Amino acid sequence: MSEGIFIRLLGAVSAVHGSRPIDLGPAQQRTVLAILASAAAHPLPMDQLVAGI
């Protein structure tokens, strides 16, 4: 695996840097990451982010 950061959104939200897992924090923080990652390269209005949480 290359040395980038990979975010996994299917199943439990997780991330790895290279082969090392990254602690993503509590459930609400992982939810925000998942919403932002799924909308990558697109602006995301704050109200849409809040509605997703």
N, C-alpha and C. Protein backbone atom coordinates (compact mmCIF):
# COMPACT_ATOMS: atom_id res chain seq x y z
N MET A 1 0.85 -1.18 0.00
CA MET A 1 0.00 0.00 0.00
C MET A 1 0.89 1.24 0.00
N SER A 2 0.50 2.26 -0.75
CA SER A 2 1.32 3.47 -0.80
C SER A 2 1.19 4.26 0.49
N GLU A 3 1.95 5.33 0.62
CA GLU A 3 2.02 6.11 1.85
C GLU A 3 0.97 7.21 1.97
N GLY A 4 -0.10 7.18 1.18
CA GLY A 4 -1.14 8.18 1.30
C GLY A 4 -2.08 7.88 2.45
N ILE A 5 -3.01 8.78 2.67
CA ILE A 5 -4.06 8.55 3.66
C ILE A 5 -5.28 8.03 2.92
N PHE A 6 -5.80 6.89 3.38
CA PHE A 6 -6.98 6.29 2.78
C PHE A 6 -8.11 6.30 3.80
N ILE A 7 -9.27 6.81 3.39
CA ILE A 7 -10.44 6.85 4.25
C ILE A 7 -11.43 5.82 3.72
N ARG A 8 -11.83 4.91 4.58
CA ARG A 8 -12.79 3.88 4.21
C ARG A 8 -14.16 4.28 4.71
N LEU A 9 -15.13 4.33 3.79
CA LEU A 9 -16.48 4.79 4.14
C LEU A 9 -17.50 3.66 4.16
N LEU A 10 -17.19 2.53 3.56
CA LEU A 10 -18.11 1.41 3.57
C LEU A 10 -17.87 0.59 4.83
N GLY A 11 -18.93 0.26 5.54
CA GLY A 11 -18.78 -0.40 6.83
C GLY A 11 -18.41 0.66 7.86
N ALA A 12 -17.61 0.28 8.81
CA ALA A 12 -17.16 1.25 9.82
C ALA A 12 -16.22 2.26 9.18
N VAL A 13 -16.40 3.54 9.47
CA VAL A 13 -15.52 4.58 8.94
C VAL A 13 -14.15 4.41 9.59
N SER A 14 -13.13 4.31 8.76
CA SER A 14 -11.77 4.17 9.28
C SER A 14 -10.80 4.84 8.32
N ALA A 15 -9.58 5.02 8.79
CA ALA A 15 -8.55 5.63 7.95
C ALA A 15 -7.22 5.01 8.28
N VAL A 16 -6.37 4.95 7.27
CA VAL A 16 -5.01 4.45 7.46
C VAL A 16 -4.04 5.38 6.74
N HIS A 17 -2.87 5.51 7.29
CA HIS A 17 -1.78 6.25 6.65
C HIS A 17 -0.68 5.24 6.41
N GLY A 18 -0.47 4.90 5.15
CA GLY A 18 0.43 3.79 4.84
C GLY A 18 -0.24 2.52 5.32
N SER A 19 0.36 1.87 6.30
CA SER A 19 -0.26 0.67 6.87
C SER A 19 -0.69 0.89 8.32
N ARG A 20 -0.58 2.14 8.80
CA ARG A 20 -0.90 2.44 10.19
C ARG A 20 -2.30 3.02 10.32
N PRO A 21 -3.14 2.46 11.20
CA PRO A 21 -4.48 3.00 11.41
C PRO A 21 -4.42 4.38 12.07
N ILE A 22 -5.39 5.21 11.75
CA ILE A 22 -5.50 6.56 12.32
C ILE A 22 -6.70 6.59 13.25
N ASP A 23 -6.52 7.10 14.48
CA ASP A 23 -7.62 7.24 15.42
C ASP A 23 -8.50 8.40 14.96
N LEU A 24 -9.75 8.13 14.62
CA LEU A 24 -10.65 9.16 14.10
C LEU A 24 -11.52 9.78 15.18
N GLY A 25 -11.37 9.35 16.41
CA GLY A 25 -12.12 9.95 17.50
C GLY A 25 -13.51 9.37 17.66
N PRO A 26 -14.36 10.10 18.37
CA PRO A 26 -15.70 9.60 18.69
C PRO A 26 -16.61 9.54 17.45
N ALA A 27 -17.77 8.91 17.64
CA ALA A 27 -18.71 8.66 16.53
C ALA A 27 -19.10 9.92 15.78
N GLN A 28 -19.39 10.99 16.48
CA GLN A 28 -19.82 12.23 15.80
C GLN A 28 -18.70 12.79 14.93
N GLN A 29 -17.49 12.71 15.38
CA GLN A 29 -16.34 13.17 14.61
C GLN A 29 -16.14 12.30 13.36
N ARG A 30 -16.31 10.98 13.50
CA ARG A 30 -16.21 10.09 12.35
C ARG A 30 -17.33 10.36 11.35
N THR A 31 -18.52 10.72 11.85
CA THR A 31 -19.63 11.05 10.97
C THR A 31 -19.33 12.28 10.14
N VAL A 32 -18.78 13.32 10.75
CA VAL A 32 -18.40 14.53 10.02
C VAL A 32 -17.37 14.20 8.95
N LEU A 33 -16.37 13.41 9.30
CA LEU A 33 -15.36 13.01 8.32
C LEU A 33 -15.99 12.27 7.16
N ALA A 34 -16.90 11.34 7.44
CA ALA A 34 -17.55 10.56 6.38
C ALA A 34 -18.36 11.46 5.45
N ILE A 35 -19.07 12.42 6.01
CA ILE A 35 -19.87 13.35 5.18
C ILE A 35 -18.95 14.18 4.30
N LEU A 36 -17.90 14.73 4.87
CA LEU A 36 -16.97 15.56 4.10
C LEU A 36 -16.24 14.73 3.05
N ALA A 37 -15.83 13.53 3.39
CA ALA A 37 -15.10 12.69 2.43
C ALA A 37 -16.00 12.26 1.28
N SER A 38 -17.27 12.02 1.56
CA SER A 38 -18.18 11.60 0.49
C SER A 38 -18.51 12.74 -0.46
N ALA A 39 -18.27 13.97 -0.03
CA ALA A 39 -18.52 15.13 -0.88
C ALA A 39 -17.20 15.74 -1.35
N ALA A 40 -16.15 14.95 -1.35
CA ALA A 40 -14.82 15.45 -1.71
C ALA A 40 -14.84 16.18 -3.05
N ALA A 41 -14.13 17.27 -3.13
CA ALA A 41 -13.99 18.11 -4.32
C ALA A 41 -15.25 18.91 -4.64
N HIS A 42 -16.21 18.93 -3.70
CA HIS A 42 -17.42 19.73 -3.89
C HIS A 42 -17.66 20.56 -2.64
N PRO A 43 -18.06 21.81 -2.80
CA PRO A 43 -18.40 22.61 -1.62
C PRO A 43 -19.60 21.98 -0.90
N LEU A 44 -19.58 22.01 0.41
CA LEU A 44 -20.65 21.43 1.19
C LEU A 44 -21.20 22.52 2.12
N PRO A 45 -22.45 22.94 1.90
CA PRO A 45 -23.02 23.97 2.77
C PRO A 45 -23.11 23.48 4.22
N MET A 46 -22.92 24.39 5.15
CA MET A 46 -22.93 24.05 6.56
C MET A 46 -24.25 23.41 6.97
N ASP A 47 -25.37 23.88 6.45
CA ASP A 47 -26.66 23.30 6.84
C ASP A 47 -26.78 21.85 6.40
N GLN A 48 -26.17 21.48 5.30
CA GLN A 48 -26.19 20.10 4.83
C GLN A 48 -25.32 19.23 5.75
N LEU A 49 -24.21 19.77 6.21
CA LEU A 49 -23.35 19.06 7.14
C LEU A 49 -24.07 18.84 8.47
N VAL A 50 -24.71 19.88 8.98
CA VAL A 50 -25.44 19.78 10.24
C VAL A 50 -26.59 18.79 10.12
N ALA A 51 -27.29 18.80 9.01
CA ALA A 51 -28.40 17.86 8.80
C ALA A 51 -27.90 16.42 8.76
N GLY A 52 -26.72 16.18 8.26
CA GLY A 52 -26.16 14.85 8.19
C GLY A 52 -25.74 14.31 9.53
N ILE A 53 -25.46 15.19 10.45
CA ILE A 53 -25.02 14.76 11.80
C ILE A 53 -26.25 14.41 12.61
